[in-house]
Amino acid sequence: MKNRSLMLQGTASSVGKSVLTAAFCRIFKEDGYRVVPFKSQNMALNSFITDDGLEMGRAQVFQAEAAGVTPKAGMNPILLKPTGEKEAQVIINGKVFGNMNASEYHAFKPELKTIVHKAYNQLRKDSDIVVIEGAGSPAEINLKKNDIVNMGMAKMVNAPVILVGDIDRGGVFASIYGTVMLLDEDERRQIKGVLINKFRGDLEILKPGLKQLEDLIGIPVLGVIPYGKFDIEEEDGEAERLKHKSYNENNIDIRVIRLPRISNFTDFHWLATHPSVNLQYIDKAEEVGTPDLLIIPGTKNTLADLEFLKENEIDRAILKARNEGAMIAGICGGFQMLGKKLLDPHMVESKIGELDGLGLLDVETTFFKEKMTTQTSAEVLADNFYKDMGSIKVNGYEIHMGKTCLGSNTRSFAVIKDENELPVRWEGAVSEDKRVWGTYLHGIFDNEEFNRELLQVVANNSGAENMELRESFAEYKEKQYRLLADTVRESVDLESIYAIMEGECEWSS
């Protein structure tokens, strides 16, 4: 099989398109094919920096991981990062193009078609199968003109479409039927099969409904996928990982502040999956308490989210937690908030201009128009942080528009060196008592050695019991991809899906 494609579209957002795209990427890889994921337009605050310094959506990163290939910005040529209710930063082929409101962006879409098509064709050259993910629903009839992410994308590259419905949320038959009926006839013909996702219950009881649905829409149901607890990174901010997990009083207590514009919540995936960690996302002052470790995460708008903390008195709760012994950490925008002052002379983030920070680190941040996007390797400075940890090397990536300067009462968190092991620049900051620290490095909690040593320091400080040993995070994720692929393989008519990609199945209505 060469130069084939399969597109997954959904009846709505959050029906499981991203995870099922990863599943098919892994299945086709296991079957010996060179496979890559693709999503023409992604709207998300979770992004990643590629090895060539380009920005892309995280969903295509974990899909590429499932496919066993290196993430490339061409897998997600258009990334929209919301900056307000009606405006977003537009990133094209990994680079910031500018900010647009909704009407400006829709007027710009015809120019994006060529960009999307070129990115797809480049991936197609280097692969056997491209698995394409749609966005939201193709039945958003007000958005169909100049569509580049659903049926417009499918017709652009003549990709067969599998329509995914989520039965767990209820109304799956109506949503599938309504989606199909709202499409034009040529769009309906693009749909070659239907998948029912997140099923709980007795399949025999469901079968009469499946037959009736097939009779109504003239499209076969190719599988019913059971509800599975796959621990796979998800794109939506409403993902299960943002909700509280079960609590064990002997575990290390870590709380992450759920900022309104939280970005890259996938930074905490390793921590959330560790059996000796209770990780909770909180957004109220009374929920802050005195955890062992309190983290302020990254954000798309540092100044606006800092105002949110102050307006809701979460800032006071953070200061109280620090005074009562909690370790406080900030990642990217969270690091900036920990400082004394934030300056925005060019109005890069908002019209605020200047705002006092939390004052927990003797640093000051100024925002500039240029955006730093780079993968970064650094060495944590043991003498500045915790000597028992040693000088640990960490890898991560930076996405920020601010530059932070350290005062006399703060030391650097890490050092970035060149190929000759000579310092190039200092990174992050640590308070004198080492209880408050911040870094620009997204993905720092993906580093096994750093995590183990940090959790041991936190456990020693808090009196938590010894941590359980676990397999490496890479092994853990690999296990999840295999489980996902096995479940989907057992639940779908894979023979028909291969036939569809070969053009051997036609819409029968």
Protein backbone atom coordinates (compact mmCIF):
# COMPACT_ATOMS: atom_id res chain seq x y z
CA MET A 1 0.00 0.00 0.00
CA LYS A 2 1.45 3.38 -1.01
CA ASN A 3 0.14 6.94 -0.73
CA ARG A 4 -3.17 6.03 0.89
CA SER A 5 -5.10 8.08 3.43
CA LEU A 6 -7.85 7.65 5.99
CA MET A 7 -9.70 10.54 7.59
CA LEU A 8 -11.48 10.48 10.94
CA GLN A 9 -14.23 13.05 11.41
CA GLY A 10 -16.60 13.32 14.35
CA THR A 11 -20.16 14.25 15.14
CA ALA A 12 -18.80 16.80 17.65
CA SER A 13 -15.68 17.79 19.55
CA SER A 14 -14.34 15.38 22.19
CA VAL A 15 -15.83 12.24 20.61
CA GLY A 16 -12.37 10.63 20.55
CA LYS A 17 -10.99 11.57 17.12
CA SER A 18 -7.50 12.39 18.40
CA VAL A 19 -7.12 9.15 20.32
CA LEU A 20 -8.57 7.01 17.52
CA THR A 21 -6.23 8.69 15.05
CA ALA A 22 -3.36 7.62 17.31
CA ALA A 23 -4.85 4.12 17.45
CA PHE A 24 -4.90 3.73 13.67
CA CYS A 25 -1.41 5.20 13.41
CA ARG A 26 -0.18 2.49 15.77
CA ILE A 27 -2.19 -0.29 14.08
CA PHE A 28 -0.86 0.55 10.62
CA LYS A 29 2.66 0.83 12.03
CA GLU A 30 2.31 -2.61 13.61
CA ASP A 31 1.15 -3.92 10.23
CA GLY A 32 4.39 -2.77 8.64
CA TYR A 33 3.42 0.52 7.01
CA ARG A 34 5.09 3.92 7.17
CA VAL A 35 2.34 6.05 8.65
CA VAL A 36 2.07 9.71 9.67
CA PRO A 37 -0.71 11.76 11.30
CA PHE A 38 -2.09 14.99 9.85
CA LYS A 39 -4.47 17.69 11.01
CA SER A 40 -4.70 20.70 8.75
CA GLN A 41 -6.00 23.10 11.40
CA ASN A 42 -5.74 22.66 15.13
CA MET A 43 -7.12 25.00 17.79
CA ALA A 44 -5.36 24.36 21.08
CA LEU A 45 -3.25 25.93 23.79
CA ASN A 46 -1.22 22.75 24.10
CA SER A 47 1.70 23.01 21.72
CA PHE A 48 5.13 21.49 21.17
CA ILE A 49 8.40 22.69 19.67
CA THR A 50 9.98 20.44 17.06
CA ASP A 51 13.67 19.72 16.77
CA ASP A 52 13.93 22.50 14.16
CA GLY A 53 12.29 25.08 16.45
CA LEU A 54 8.79 25.06 14.95
CA GLU A 55 5.52 25.02 16.89
CA MET A 56 2.74 22.46 16.43
CA GLY A 57 -0.23 21.02 18.30
CA ARG A 58 0.41 18.37 20.95
CA ALA A 59 -2.24 16.03 19.55
CA GLN A 60 -0.20 15.39 16.42
CA VAL A 61 2.86 14.86 18.63
CA PHE A 62 1.38 11.91 20.52
CA GLN A 63 -0.08 10.59 17.26
CA ALA A 64 3.40 10.73 15.71
CA GLU A 65 4.73 8.97 18.80
CA ALA A 66 2.16 6.22 18.29
CA ALA A 67 3.23 5.98 14.65
CA GLY A 68 6.89 5.77 15.62
CA VAL A 69 7.92 8.89 13.69
CA THR A 70 9.48 12.23 14.63
CA PRO A 71 6.94 15.06 15.03
CA LYS A 72 7.13 17.65 12.24
CA ALA A 73 5.28 20.95 11.97
CA GLY A 74 3.89 19.86 8.59
CA MET A 75 1.69 17.36 10.43
CA ASN A 76 -0.22 20.39 11.75
CA PRO A 77 0.38 23.28 9.31
CA ILE A 78 -2.20 25.62 10.88
CA LEU A 79 -2.28 26.06 14.67
CA LEU A 80 -4.69 28.51 16.28
CA LYS A 81 -3.95 29.55 19.88
CA PRO A 82 -6.86 31.53 21.36
CA THR A 83 -5.85 34.84 22.93
CA GLY A 84 -9.39 36.00 23.78
CA GLU A 85 -13.05 35.25 23.17
CA LYS A 86 -12.90 36.12 19.45
CA GLU A 87 -9.19 36.29 18.62
CA ALA A 88 -6.40 33.80 18.15
CA GLN A 89 -2.71 33.74 17.35
CA VAL A 90 -2.30 32.12 13.93
CA ILE A 91 0.74 29.88 13.50
CA ILE A 92 1.50 28.71 9.96
CA ASN A 93 4.00 25.92 9.32
CA GLY A 94 5.31 26.32 12.85
CA LYS A 95 5.86 30.09 12.82
CA VAL A 96 3.74 32.92 14.19
CA PHE A 97 1.88 34.66 11.36
CA GLY A 98 -0.07 37.11 13.52
CA ASN A 99 -3.28 37.59 15.52
CA MET A 100 -6.69 37.47 13.81
CA ASN A 101 -10.28 37.71 14.91
CA ALA A 102 -12.80 35.16 13.67
CA SER A 103 -14.02 37.13 10.65
CA GLU A 104 -10.47 37.97 9.54
CA TYR A 105 -9.44 34.34 9.77
CA HIS A 106 -12.42 33.04 7.79
CA ALA A 107 -11.68 35.60 5.07
CA PHE A 108 -8.07 34.35 5.03
CA LYS A 109 -8.99 30.66 4.65
CA PRO A 110 -8.83 30.51 0.83
CA GLU A 111 -5.14 31.43 1.01
CA LEU A 112 -4.55 28.65 3.54
CA LYS A 113 -5.79 25.90 1.22
CA THR A 114 -2.56 25.94 -0.81
CA ILE A 115 -0.48 25.82 2.40
CA VAL A 116 -2.47 22.87 3.74
CA HIS A 117 -2.36 20.97 0.46
CA LYS A 118 1.41 21.44 0.14
CA ALA A 119 2.01 20.22 3.70
CA TYR A 120 -0.15 17.14 3.09
CA ASN A 121 1.57 16.30 -0.21
CA GLN A 122 4.99 16.48 1.45
CA LEU A 123 3.92 13.98 4.10
CA ARG A 124 2.35 11.77 1.46
CA LYS A 125 5.67 11.52 -0.41
CA ASP A 126 7.43 10.06 2.59
CA SER A 127 4.78 7.65 3.86
CA ASP A 128 2.50 4.77 2.91
CA ILE A 129 -0.54 5.99 4.87
CA VAL A 130 -1.59 9.40 6.15
CA VAL A 131 -4.18 9.31 8.95
CA ILE A 132 -6.03 12.62 8.91
CA GLU A 133 -7.96 14.03 11.86
CA GLY A 134 -10.86 16.42 11.39
CA ALA A 135 -11.99 19.08 13.86
CA GLY A 136 -15.29 19.46 15.64
CA SER A 137 -18.05 18.38 13.26
CA PRO A 138 -18.36 18.54 9.44
CA ALA A 139 -22.02 19.51 9.92
CA GLU A 140 -21.29 23.01 11.17
CA ILE A 141 -23.14 24.40 8.16
CA ASN A 142 -22.15 28.00 8.87
CA LEU A 143 -18.47 27.05 8.53
CA LYS A 144 -18.65 24.84 5.44
CA LYS A 145 -17.66 27.59 3.01
CA ASN A 146 -13.88 27.47 2.48
CA ASP A 147 -13.56 24.59 4.97
CA ILE A 148 -10.01 23.26 5.23
CA VAL A 149 -10.28 20.82 8.13
CA ASN A 150 -13.30 18.54 7.57
CA MET A 151 -15.04 17.76 4.27
CA GLY A 152 -13.11 20.49 2.52
CA MET A 153 -9.91 18.67 3.49
CA ALA A 154 -11.32 15.25 2.56
CA LYS A 155 -12.34 16.43 -0.90
CA MET A 156 -9.07 18.31 -1.39
CA VAL A 157 -7.06 15.07 -1.14
CA ASN A 158 -9.88 12.58 -1.93
CA ALA A 159 -9.58 10.93 1.47
CA PRO A 160 -12.19 8.36 2.54
CA VAL A 161 -13.90 9.44 5.77
CA ILE A 162 -14.82 7.41 8.82
CA LEU A 163 -17.40 9.22 10.98
CA VAL A 164 -16.98 8.81 14.76
CA GLY A 165 -19.83 9.15 17.25
CA ASP A 166 -19.58 9.11 21.06
CA ILE A 167 -22.24 6.88 22.62
CA ASP A 168 -21.13 7.66 26.18
CA ARG A 169 -22.49 11.20 26.01
CA GLY A 170 -25.89 9.94 24.75
CA GLY A 171 -27.81 10.55 21.53
CA VAL A 172 -25.28 8.83 19.30
CA PHE A 173 -27.82 7.66 16.68
CA ALA A 174 -29.34 11.11 16.36
CA SER A 175 -25.93 12.78 16.17
CA ILE A 176 -24.70 10.42 13.44
CA TYR A 177 -27.93 10.62 11.44
CA GLY A 178 -28.13 14.41 11.84
CA THR A 179 -24.50 14.87 10.79
CA VAL A 180 -24.95 12.79 7.65
CA MET A 181 -28.24 14.44 6.69
CA LEU A 182 -26.82 17.97 7.02
CA LEU A 183 -24.07 17.20 4.52
CA ASP A 184 -24.31 17.73 0.78
CA GLU A 185 -24.66 14.60 -1.33
CA ASP A 186 -21.04 14.64 -2.53
CA GLU A 187 -19.90 15.01 1.09
CA ARG A 188 -22.03 12.07 2.19
CA ARG A 189 -20.39 9.98 -0.48
CA GLN A 190 -17.04 10.76 1.09
CA ILE A 191 -18.12 8.89 4.26
CA LYS A 192 -17.31 5.20 3.90
CA GLY A 193 -18.03 3.98 7.40
CA VAL A 194 -19.11 4.81 10.94
CA LEU A 195 -17.48 4.02 14.29
CA ILE A 196 -19.32 4.08 17.61
CA ASN A 197 -16.87 5.10 20.34
CA LYS A 198 -16.83 4.80 24.16
CA PHE A 199 -19.42 2.02 24.47
CA ARG A 200 -20.35 0.53 27.84
CA GLY A 201 -22.82 -2.32 28.00
CA ASP A 202 -24.12 -5.35 26.12
CA LEU A 203 -23.30 -5.21 22.41
CA GLU A 204 -26.18 -7.58 21.56
CA ILE A 205 -28.68 -5.02 22.86
CA LEU A 206 -27.05 -2.35 20.67
CA LYS A 207 -27.05 -4.37 17.43
CA PRO A 208 -30.67 -3.71 16.35
CA GLY A 209 -29.98 0.03 16.58
CA LEU A 210 -26.86 -0.35 14.47
CA LYS A 211 -28.81 -2.16 11.75
CA GLN A 212 -31.52 0.49 11.72
CA LEU A 213 -28.90 3.26 11.54
CA GLU A 214 -27.22 1.56 8.58
CA ASP A 215 -30.59 1.30 6.81
CA LEU A 216 -31.29 5.00 7.42
CA ILE A 217 -27.96 6.42 6.26
CA GLY A 218 -26.77 3.72 3.86
CA ILE A 219 -23.32 3.64 5.46
CA PRO A 220 -21.93 0.61 7.31
CA VAL A 221 -21.04 0.67 11.00
CA LEU A 222 -17.48 -0.67 11.00
CA GLY A 223 -17.01 -1.06 14.70
CA VAL A 224 -18.11 -0.40 18.27
CA ILE A 225 -15.15 0.54 20.45
CA PRO A 226 -15.52 -0.08 24.19
CA TYR A 227 -14.92 2.66 26.73
CA GLY A 228 -11.29 2.23 27.71
CA LYS A 229 -9.12 3.86 30.32
CA PHE A 230 -6.25 4.59 27.98
CA ASP A 231 -3.80 7.02 29.52
CA ILE A 232 -3.09 8.91 26.32
CA GLU A 233 -2.41 12.64 26.11
CA GLU A 234 -5.56 14.45 24.98
CA GLU A 235 -5.95 17.73 23.19
CA ASP A 236 -9.00 19.27 24.81
CA GLY A 237 -8.78 21.28 28.02
CA GLU A 238 -11.79 19.26 29.24
CA ALA A 239 -9.77 16.05 29.19
CA GLU A 240 -10.16 13.65 32.06
CA ARG A 241 -6.70 14.47 33.37
CA LEU A 242 -7.88 17.95 34.39
CA LYS A 243 -10.28 16.37 36.85
CA HIS A 244 -9.40 15.10 40.32
CA LYS A 245 -8.05 11.58 40.58
CA SER A 246 -8.48 9.22 43.50
CA TYR A 247 -6.73 10.33 46.68
CA ASN A 248 -4.27 8.31 48.77
CA GLU A 249 -3.32 10.04 52.04
CA ASN A 250 0.16 8.47 52.00
CA ASN A 251 1.01 9.86 48.57
CA ILE A 252 2.85 13.05 47.68
CA ASP A 253 0.28 15.86 47.38
CA ILE A 254 0.79 17.92 44.21
CA ARG A 255 -1.69 20.58 43.09
CA VAL A 256 -1.68 22.42 39.78
CA ILE A 257 -3.57 25.70 39.46
CA ARG A 258 -6.01 25.44 36.60
CA LEU A 259 -5.58 28.85 35.02
CA PRO A 260 -8.33 30.07 32.65
CA ARG A 261 -5.83 30.06 29.76
CA ILE A 262 -3.74 27.10 30.90
CA SER A 263 -1.38 25.87 28.21
CA ASN A 264 0.56 22.65 27.95
CA PHE A 265 -1.19 20.82 30.78
CA THR A 266 0.48 17.76 29.25
CA ASP A 267 3.58 18.96 31.14
CA PHE A 268 2.21 17.07 34.14
CA HIS A 269 1.34 13.75 32.49
CA TRP A 270 4.27 11.90 34.12
CA LEU A 271 3.34 13.21 37.57
CA ALA A 272 -0.35 12.42 37.10
CA THR A 273 0.39 8.81 36.23
CA HIS A 274 2.82 8.10 39.09
CA PRO A 275 1.31 5.70 41.65
CA SER A 276 2.83 7.63 44.59
CA VAL A 277 1.47 11.03 43.55
CA ASN A 278 -1.91 12.63 44.17
CA LEU A 279 -2.19 15.27 41.46
CA GLN A 280 -5.16 17.62 41.48
CA TYR A 281 -6.09 20.59 39.29
CA ILE A 282 -7.59 23.42 41.34
CA ASP A 283 -9.07 26.83 40.53
CA LYS A 284 -10.39 28.14 43.87
CA ALA A 285 -8.53 29.77 46.75
CA GLU A 286 -9.96 27.35 49.29
CA GLU A 287 -8.61 24.40 47.27
CA VAL A 288 -4.98 25.53 47.45
CA GLY A 289 -4.34 24.37 51.01
CA THR A 290 -0.77 23.35 51.88
CA PRO A 291 0.26 20.69 49.38
CA ASP A 292 3.75 19.22 49.22
CA LEU A 293 4.23 20.85 45.82
CA LEU A 294 2.09 23.60 44.28
CA ILE A 295 2.63 24.30 40.56
CA ILE A 296 1.59 27.36 38.57
CA PRO A 297 1.55 26.13 34.96
CA GLY A 298 2.07 27.80 31.61
CA THR A 299 -0.56 30.13 30.16
CA LYS A 300 -1.31 31.81 26.85
CA ASN A 301 -1.76 35.13 28.66
CA THR A 302 0.35 35.57 31.79
CA LEU A 303 -0.93 39.01 32.76
CA ALA A 304 -4.63 38.14 32.38
CA ASP A 305 -4.24 34.92 34.35
CA LEU A 306 -2.24 36.71 37.05
CA GLU A 307 -5.17 39.12 37.38
CA PHE A 308 -7.44 36.06 37.72
CA LEU A 309 -5.34 34.83 40.65
CA LYS A 310 -5.58 38.20 42.34
CA GLU A 311 -9.29 38.76 41.69
CA ASN A 312 -10.10 35.35 43.20
CA GLU A 313 -7.63 35.70 46.11
CA ILE A 314 -5.74 32.65 44.92
CA ASP A 315 -2.58 34.75 45.16
CA ARG A 316 -3.10 35.07 48.92
CA ALA A 317 -3.65 31.32 49.20
CA ILE A 318 -0.40 30.71 47.31
CA LEU A 319 1.53 32.98 49.68
CA LYS A 320 -0.07 31.25 52.67
CA ALA A 321 0.89 27.82 51.29
CA ARG A 322 4.46 28.98 50.82
CA ASN A 323 4.63 30.33 54.40
CA GLU A 324 3.27 27.03 55.71
CA GLY A 325 5.99 24.99 54.00
CA ALA A 326 4.74 24.09 50.54
CA MET A 327 7.27 23.99 47.70
CA ILE A 328 6.12 26.34 44.92
CA ALA A 329 7.09 25.85 41.27
CA GLY A 330 6.25 27.84 38.16
CA ILE A 331 6.48 26.70 34.54
CA CYS A 332 6.87 29.35 31.82
CA GLY A 333 4.04 31.84 32.47
CA GLY A 334 3.77 30.46 35.99
CA PHE A 335 7.49 31.21 36.46
CA GLN A 336 6.90 34.78 35.29
CA MET A 337 4.04 35.21 37.80
CA LEU A 338 6.32 34.21 40.68
CA GLY A 339 8.44 37.31 40.13
CA LYS A 340 8.16 40.83 41.51
CA LYS A 341 7.03 42.63 38.38
CA LEU A 342 5.80 41.92 34.83
CA LEU A 343 6.27 44.62 32.19
CA ASP A 344 4.54 44.66 28.79
CA PRO A 345 5.71 47.90 27.14
CA HIS A 346 4.73 46.76 23.63
CA MET A 347 1.29 45.50 24.74
CA VAL A 348 2.23 42.02 23.52
CA GLU A 349 -0.11 40.18 25.88
CA SER A 350 -2.74 42.75 26.82
CA LYS A 351 -3.44 46.44 27.42
CA ILE A 352 -2.39 46.14 31.08
CA GLY A 353 1.18 47.30 30.51
CA GLU A 354 2.54 46.54 33.98
CA LEU A 355 1.54 44.32 36.87
CA ASP A 356 3.05 43.30 40.20
CA GLY A 357 3.81 39.60 40.43
CA LEU A 358 3.47 37.31 43.43
CA GLY A 359 6.87 38.42 44.71
CA LEU A 360 8.08 34.93 45.58
CA LEU A 361 11.15 35.19 43.36
CA ASP A 362 13.47 38.17 42.99
CA VAL A 363 13.00 38.35 39.22
CA GLU A 364 11.40 40.75 36.74
CA THR A 365 9.95 39.85 33.33
CA THR A 366 9.63 42.06 30.26
CA PHE A 367 7.58 40.94 27.26
CA PHE A 368 8.90 41.46 23.75
CA LYS A 369 7.30 40.94 20.34
CA GLU A 370 9.67 38.12 19.38
CA LYS A 371 8.62 34.62 20.41
CA MET A 372 11.24 32.12 21.56
CA THR A 373 10.54 28.62 20.26
CA THR A 374 13.33 26.13 20.76
CA GLN A 375 14.13 22.71 22.11
CA THR A 376 16.48 23.08 25.05
CA SER A 377 18.92 20.87 26.92
CA ALA A 378 20.07 22.16 30.29
CA GLU A 379 21.85 21.10 33.44
CA VAL A 380 20.10 21.70 36.75
CA LEU A 381 22.47 23.54 39.08
CA ALA A 382 22.68 21.25 42.11
CA ASP A 383 24.46 23.84 44.27
CA ASN A 384 21.62 26.29 43.65
CA PHE A 385 18.79 23.77 43.94
CA TYR A 386 19.36 20.59 45.99
CA LYS A 387 22.88 19.18 46.21
CA ASP A 388 21.68 15.65 46.85
CA MET A 389 20.09 15.66 43.38
CA GLY A 390 23.45 16.13 41.70
CA SER A 391 23.84 17.97 38.39
CA ILE A 392 21.00 16.44 36.41
CA LYS A 393 20.66 17.05 32.68
CA VAL A 394 17.13 17.76 31.45
CA ASN A 395 15.51 18.23 28.07
CA GLY A 396 12.49 20.39 27.30
CA TYR A 397 11.24 23.11 24.99
CA GLU A 398 10.61 26.83 25.32
CA ILE A 399 7.60 28.79 24.02
CA HIS A 400 7.50 32.30 25.43
CA MET A 401 7.63 35.98 24.54
CA GLY A 402 9.14 37.25 27.81
CA LYS A 403 12.68 37.69 29.08
CA THR A 404 13.27 37.30 32.81
CA CYS A 405 16.11 39.03 34.69
CA LEU A 406 17.27 37.80 38.09
CA GLY A 407 17.81 40.00 41.14
CA SER A 408 20.48 39.61 43.78
CA ASN A 409 18.40 37.33 46.03
CA THR A 410 17.73 34.68 43.40
CA ARG A 411 19.96 32.09 41.75
CA SER A 412 19.63 30.37 38.38
CA PHE A 413 17.83 27.04 38.22
CA ALA A 414 19.86 25.58 35.34
CA VAL A 415 22.58 26.34 32.83
CA ILE A 416 22.47 25.79 29.07
CA LYS A 417 25.81 24.82 27.57
CA ASP A 418 27.26 24.55 24.09
CA GLU A 419 28.84 21.48 22.51
CA ASN A 420 32.08 22.26 24.38
CA GLU A 421 30.25 22.26 27.73
CA LEU A 422 30.69 26.03 28.07
CA PRO A 423 27.79 28.06 29.52
CA VAL A 424 25.67 29.80 26.89
CA ARG A 425 22.93 31.21 29.12
CA TRP A 426 21.35 30.73 32.53
CA GLU A 427 17.82 29.42 32.85
CA GLY A 428 15.07 29.73 35.45
CA ALA A 429 15.39 30.86 39.05
CA VAL A 430 15.51 29.48 42.61
CA SER A 431 14.81 31.32 45.86
CA GLU A 432 17.47 31.47 48.57
CA ASP A 433 15.72 28.83 50.70
CA LYS A 434 15.12 26.63 47.60
CA ARG A 435 11.40 26.36 48.36
CA VAL A 436 10.36 28.40 45.30
CA TRP A 437 11.64 27.78 41.79
CA GLY A 438 10.67 28.46 38.22
CA THR A 439 11.72 27.48 34.72
CA TYR A 440 10.80 28.22 31.12
CA LEU A 441 11.24 24.54 30.24
CA HIS A 442 8.02 22.87 29.17
CA GLY A 443 8.44 19.12 29.41
CA ILE A 444 10.79 19.25 32.39
CA PHE A 445 8.58 16.71 34.16
CA ASP A 446 9.15 14.28 31.29
CA ASN A 447 12.71 13.76 32.54
CA GLU A 448 12.89 10.55 34.57
CA GLU A 449 15.95 11.26 36.70
CA PHE A 450 14.88 14.81 37.57
CA ASN A 451 11.41 13.62 38.54
CA ARG A 452 12.65 10.82 40.75
CA GLU A 453 15.07 13.06 42.59
CA LEU A 454 12.61 15.95 42.92
CA LEU A 455 9.86 13.69 44.29
CA GLN A 456 12.31 12.24 46.78
CA VAL A 457 13.20 15.75 47.97
CA VAL A 458 9.50 16.61 48.25
CA ALA A 459 8.78 13.34 50.07
CA ASN A 460 11.64 13.95 52.52
CA ASN A 461 10.36 17.46 53.23
CA SER A 462 6.78 16.33 53.76
CA GLY A 463 7.29 13.00 55.48
CA ALA A 464 5.50 11.09 52.72
CA GLU A 465 6.14 7.37 52.52
CA ASN A 466 8.78 5.97 50.14
CA MET A 467 7.79 6.19 46.54
CA GLU A 468 6.84 3.15 44.52
CA LEU A 469 9.16 2.12 41.72
CA ARG A 470 7.65 2.12 38.26
CA GLU A 471 8.70 1.44 34.71
CA SER A 472 10.14 4.34 32.74
CA PHE A 473 7.67 6.84 31.34
CA ALA A 474 8.60 5.78 27.80
CA GLU A 475 7.74 2.18 28.67
CA TYR A 476 4.53 3.30 30.34
CA LYS A 477 3.40 5.25 27.27
CA GLU A 478 4.36 2.41 24.96
CA LYS A 479 2.17 0.07 27.01
CA GLN A 480 -0.75 2.50 26.65
CA TYR A 481 -0.33 2.71 22.86
CA ARG A 482 -0.29 -1.08 22.59
CA LEU A 483 -3.39 -1.38 24.76
CA LEU A 484 -5.18 1.24 22.68
CA ALA A 485 -4.23 -0.38 19.38
CA ASP A 486 -5.18 -3.87 20.59
CA THR A 487 -8.58 -2.66 21.79
CA VAL A 488 -9.39 -0.85 18.54
CA ARG A 489 -8.06 -3.70 16.39
CA GLU A 490 -10.35 -6.16 18.17
CA SER A 491 -13.36 -3.83 17.84
CA VAL A 492 -13.34 -2.71 14.22
CA ASP A 493 -13.65 -4.33 10.81
CA LEU A 494 -10.04 -3.67 9.87
CA GLU A 495 -10.30 -5.65 6.62
CA SER A 496 -13.01 -3.28 5.39
CA ILE A 497 -10.99 -0.25 6.47
CA TYR A 498 -8.01 -1.43 4.43
CA ALA A 499 -10.36 -2.03 1.49
CA ILE A 500 -11.75 1.48 1.89
CA MET A 501 -8.26 2.96 1.71
CA GLU A 502 -7.63 0.96 -1.47
CA GLY A 503 -10.83 2.40 -3.00
CA GLU A 504 -12.58 -0.96 -3.08
CA CYS A 505 -15.67 0.08 -1.04
CA GLU A 506 -18.30 2.49 -2.31
CA TRP A 507 -21.10 4.31 -0.50
CA SER A 508 -24.20 2.20 -1.10
CA SER A 509 -27.09 4.64 -0.69
